Each structure stands twice: as structure tokens, then as C-alpha cells.
Amino acid sequence: MRRLVLATDPVPAPDTPYTGDDGQETTLAESNGRVRVVNFWATWCVPCRTEMPELEALARDSPGGVEVITIATGRNAPDGIARFRKEIGITALPNALDPKGTLARAMDVPGLPATIILAKDGSEVGRLLGGANWNSPEARALLAHLADAPEG
């Protein structure tokens, strides 16, 4: 969590659509009302392979109802995504897609993996570039604090 940068002036996440886990177009604003850990990843990303099991564990037992949204960005073949998920045992994380990298660009994601923390109101309150242990006590404590914070 040392590389986590907290926003000094939180800004709303863009309304750029992506394909949700259900295959339908959605936006991050659709899930406002809860804290979100939004992770951009790709099948070719080696640190993503290490980070995903930690995100999976967080999603299975999230503090205060924190939602984990994993979004495969860029060119990721559907069979490659399925193979990636099976190889590392991912079953609880959403299978969201940003095939043209439109949302990643709108959120100024310079590389992968990148994780953006959104507050309940949809504003970006933190970001971490590179892999991290999102199931660590430090990460869980931060997310629990954000989930307990009043909106606004």
C-alpha cells in the first residue's frame, strides 16, 4: 500500500461506458452508493496474475460491502480471459470488459495493473499503479474506513 496515492481533491469518475459482468453496457456511476475497488488488468500482465487472487479474496469477504470491479482493458481474447481466470482460480470477480481501453484512457490509466478506489459518491479517492496485496490488513482497514464514512 506504500504506492497508494490518496486524492487531495477527489474528482468524479467519468461516465464512460464499459461492458459489465452481465454483458450489458454500464458505467461506474451505476454502482454509486458503495465504495469500489476498480482494477484494470489484462491477460498478458504478469503482476495482474499475482494481484488477482488478492482481489478475489477481498471480493469474497469485503469489509463493509466494498465492491471489487475488475475490468479487462485492451485486447483480451475471451478464451484468453477464461483461461487466465481458470489458471489462477478466479470465480468471485466480475468479468467486465473495456476492449478499446476507452474507460482506462478516460481515467488516465497509464499502465497495468492499475487500481482506482471510488468513494460512495463516485469520486476517485485513491489510486495505485502496479500490483498490490488488496487483501492485506492495511488495505482492508483503509477500505473499511472508507465504507464507514458518511456520503458527501
Protein backbone atom coordinates (compact mmCIF):
# COMPACT_ATOMS: atom_id res chain seq x y z
CA MET A 1 0.00 0.00 0.00
CA ARG A 2 3.05 2.27 0.02
CA ARG A 3 2.37 3.24 -3.60
CA LEU A 4 -1.26 4.17 -2.92
CA VAL A 5 -1.80 7.85 -3.76
CA LEU A 6 -4.77 9.41 -1.99
CA ALA A 7 -6.58 12.16 -3.85
CA THR A 8 -6.25 15.61 -2.30
CA ASP A 9 -9.09 16.91 -4.46
CA PRO A 10 -11.38 13.97 -5.38
CA VAL A 11 -12.97 14.16 -8.83
CA PRO A 12 -15.95 12.15 -10.12
CA ALA A 13 -15.25 9.07 -12.18
CA PRO A 14 -16.11 9.59 -15.86
CA ASP A 15 -19.41 8.37 -17.30
CA THR A 16 -17.55 6.35 -19.94
CA PRO A 17 -19.31 3.04 -20.54
CA TYR A 18 -17.77 -0.41 -20.28
CA THR A 19 -19.22 -3.90 -20.58
CA GLY A 20 -20.37 -5.22 -17.22
CA ASP A 21 -20.23 -8.76 -15.92
CA ASP A 22 -23.70 -9.39 -17.35
CA GLY A 23 -22.54 -8.44 -20.87
CA GLN A 24 -24.51 -5.19 -20.82
CA GLU A 25 -23.08 -1.70 -21.18
CA THR A 26 -22.80 0.09 -17.82
CA THR A 27 -20.92 2.91 -16.10
CA LEU A 28 -19.17 3.16 -12.77
CA ALA A 29 -21.90 5.59 -11.61
CA GLU A 30 -24.37 2.68 -11.80
CA SER A 31 -22.76 1.28 -8.64
CA ASN A 32 -22.56 4.56 -6.68
CA GLY A 33 -23.60 4.18 -3.06
CA ARG A 34 -20.78 1.84 -2.16
CA VAL A 35 -17.01 2.02 -2.10
CA ARG A 36 -15.49 0.41 -5.21
CA VAL A 37 -12.04 -1.02 -5.87
CA VAL A 38 -11.80 -0.74 -9.66
CA ASN A 39 -8.94 -2.78 -11.08
CA PHE A 40 -7.77 -2.52 -14.69
CA TRP A 41 -5.90 -5.60 -15.88
CA ALA A 42 -5.01 -7.70 -18.93
CA THR A 43 -4.26 -11.36 -19.60
CA TRP A 44 -0.67 -10.59 -20.67
CA CYS A 45 0.07 -8.61 -17.46
CA VAL A 46 2.36 -10.61 -15.17
CA PRO A 47 1.72 -8.51 -12.00
CA CYS A 48 -2.03 -8.89 -12.66
CA ARG A 49 -1.64 -12.67 -12.30
CA THR A 50 -0.18 -12.18 -8.81
CA GLU A 51 -2.65 -9.50 -7.76
CA MET A 52 -5.89 -11.19 -8.89
CA PRO A 53 -6.01 -13.82 -6.11
CA GLU A 54 -5.73 -11.00 -3.54
CA LEU A 55 -8.60 -9.14 -5.21
CA GLU A 56 -10.55 -12.40 -5.30
CA ALA A 57 -10.08 -12.87 -1.53
CA LEU A 58 -11.14 -9.27 -0.92
CA ALA A 59 -14.25 -9.72 -3.08
CA ARG A 60 -15.24 -12.89 -1.22
CA ASP A 61 -15.09 -11.15 2.18
CA SER A 62 -15.17 -7.43 1.58
CA PRO A 63 -15.23 -5.02 4.51
CA GLY A 64 -18.45 -3.04 4.80
CA GLY A 65 -19.80 -4.19 1.45
CA VAL A 66 -16.90 -2.82 -0.60
CA GLU A 67 -17.33 -3.88 -4.22
CA VAL A 68 -14.42 -5.14 -6.32
CA ILE A 69 -14.77 -4.43 -10.05
CA THR A 70 -12.13 -5.99 -12.29
CA ILE A 71 -12.07 -4.70 -15.85
CA ALA A 72 -10.02 -6.39 -18.57
CA THR A 73 -8.86 -3.49 -20.69
CA GLY A 74 -7.46 -3.51 -24.21
CA ARG A 75 -7.18 -6.56 -26.43
CA ASN A 76 -8.00 -9.62 -24.38
CA ALA A 77 -9.49 -12.56 -26.25
CA PRO A 78 -12.50 -14.10 -24.47
CA ASP A 79 -10.85 -17.54 -24.45
CA GLY A 80 -7.67 -15.97 -23.04
CA ILE A 81 -9.65 -14.33 -20.25
CA ALA A 82 -11.38 -17.61 -19.45
CA ARG A 83 -8.05 -19.46 -19.40
CA PHE A 84 -6.44 -16.75 -17.20
CA ARG A 85 -9.31 -16.91 -14.70
CA LYS A 86 -9.29 -20.72 -14.60
CA GLU A 87 -5.50 -21.00 -14.20
CA ILE A 88 -5.46 -18.78 -11.11
CA GLY A 89 -8.83 -19.83 -9.68
CA ILE A 90 -10.84 -16.64 -10.18
CA THR A 91 -14.56 -17.20 -9.67
CA ALA A 92 -15.85 -14.33 -7.46
CA LEU A 93 -14.58 -11.40 -9.52
CA PRO A 94 -16.64 -9.81 -12.28
CA ASN A 95 -15.66 -10.40 -15.87
CA ALA A 96 -16.06 -6.78 -17.03
CA LEU A 97 -14.52 -5.57 -20.28
CA ASP A 98 -13.09 -2.36 -21.71
CA PRO A 99 -11.94 -3.78 -25.07
CA LYS A 100 -10.88 -0.49 -26.65
CA GLY A 101 -9.41 0.92 -23.44
CA THR A 102 -11.87 3.81 -23.53
CA LEU A 103 -12.63 3.81 -19.81
CA ALA A 104 -8.97 3.25 -18.91
CA ARG A 105 -7.99 6.29 -21.01
CA ALA A 106 -10.80 8.40 -19.54
CA MET A 107 -9.46 7.55 -16.08
CA ASP A 108 -5.84 8.32 -17.03
CA VAL A 109 -4.62 4.76 -16.51
CA PRO A 110 -1.02 4.78 -17.80
CA GLY A 111 -0.25 1.08 -17.42
CA LEU A 112 -1.40 -2.18 -15.88
CA PRO A 113 -2.35 -3.18 -13.36
CA ALA A 114 -3.95 -0.01 -12.05
CA THR A 115 -6.44 0.16 -9.22
CA ILE A 116 -8.68 3.13 -8.53
CA ILE A 117 -10.66 3.49 -5.32
CA LEU A 118 -14.00 5.21 -5.70
CA ALA A 119 -15.95 6.64 -2.76
CA LYS A 120 -19.67 6.04 -2.37
CA ASP A 121 -20.41 9.25 -4.30
CA GLY A 122 -18.37 8.07 -7.29
CA SER A 123 -15.36 10.29 -6.74
CA GLU A 124 -11.83 8.93 -7.05
CA VAL A 125 -10.24 8.95 -3.60
CA GLY A 126 -7.12 6.93 -4.36
CA ARG A 127 -5.14 5.05 -6.97
CA LEU A 128 -2.32 2.56 -7.02
CA LEU A 129 -0.29 1.78 -10.11
CA GLY A 130 1.26 -1.68 -10.18
CA GLY A 131 0.37 -4.79 -8.24
CA ALA A 132 -0.62 -4.77 -4.59
CA ASN A 133 -1.97 -7.05 -1.90
CA TRP A 134 -5.55 -5.80 -1.73
CA ASN A 135 -6.37 -8.40 0.90
CA SER A 136 -3.71 -7.16 3.34
CA PRO A 137 -4.74 -5.85 6.78
CA GLU A 138 -3.70 -2.33 5.72
CA ALA A 139 -5.81 -2.38 2.54
CA ARG A 140 -8.79 -3.88 4.34
CA ALA A 141 -8.56 -1.26 7.12
CA LEU A 142 -8.46 1.60 4.61
CA LEU A 143 -11.42 0.22 2.66
CA ALA A 144 -13.42 -0.42 5.85
CA HIS A 145 -12.76 3.19 6.91
CA LEU A 146 -13.97 4.50 3.56
CA ALA A 147 -17.04 2.24 3.66
CA ASP A 148 -17.93 3.53 7.14
CA ALA A 149 -17.51 7.20 6.15
CA PRO A 150 -20.70 9.17 5.58
CA GLU A 151 -21.52 10.12 1.99
CA GLY A 152 -20.74 13.61 0.75
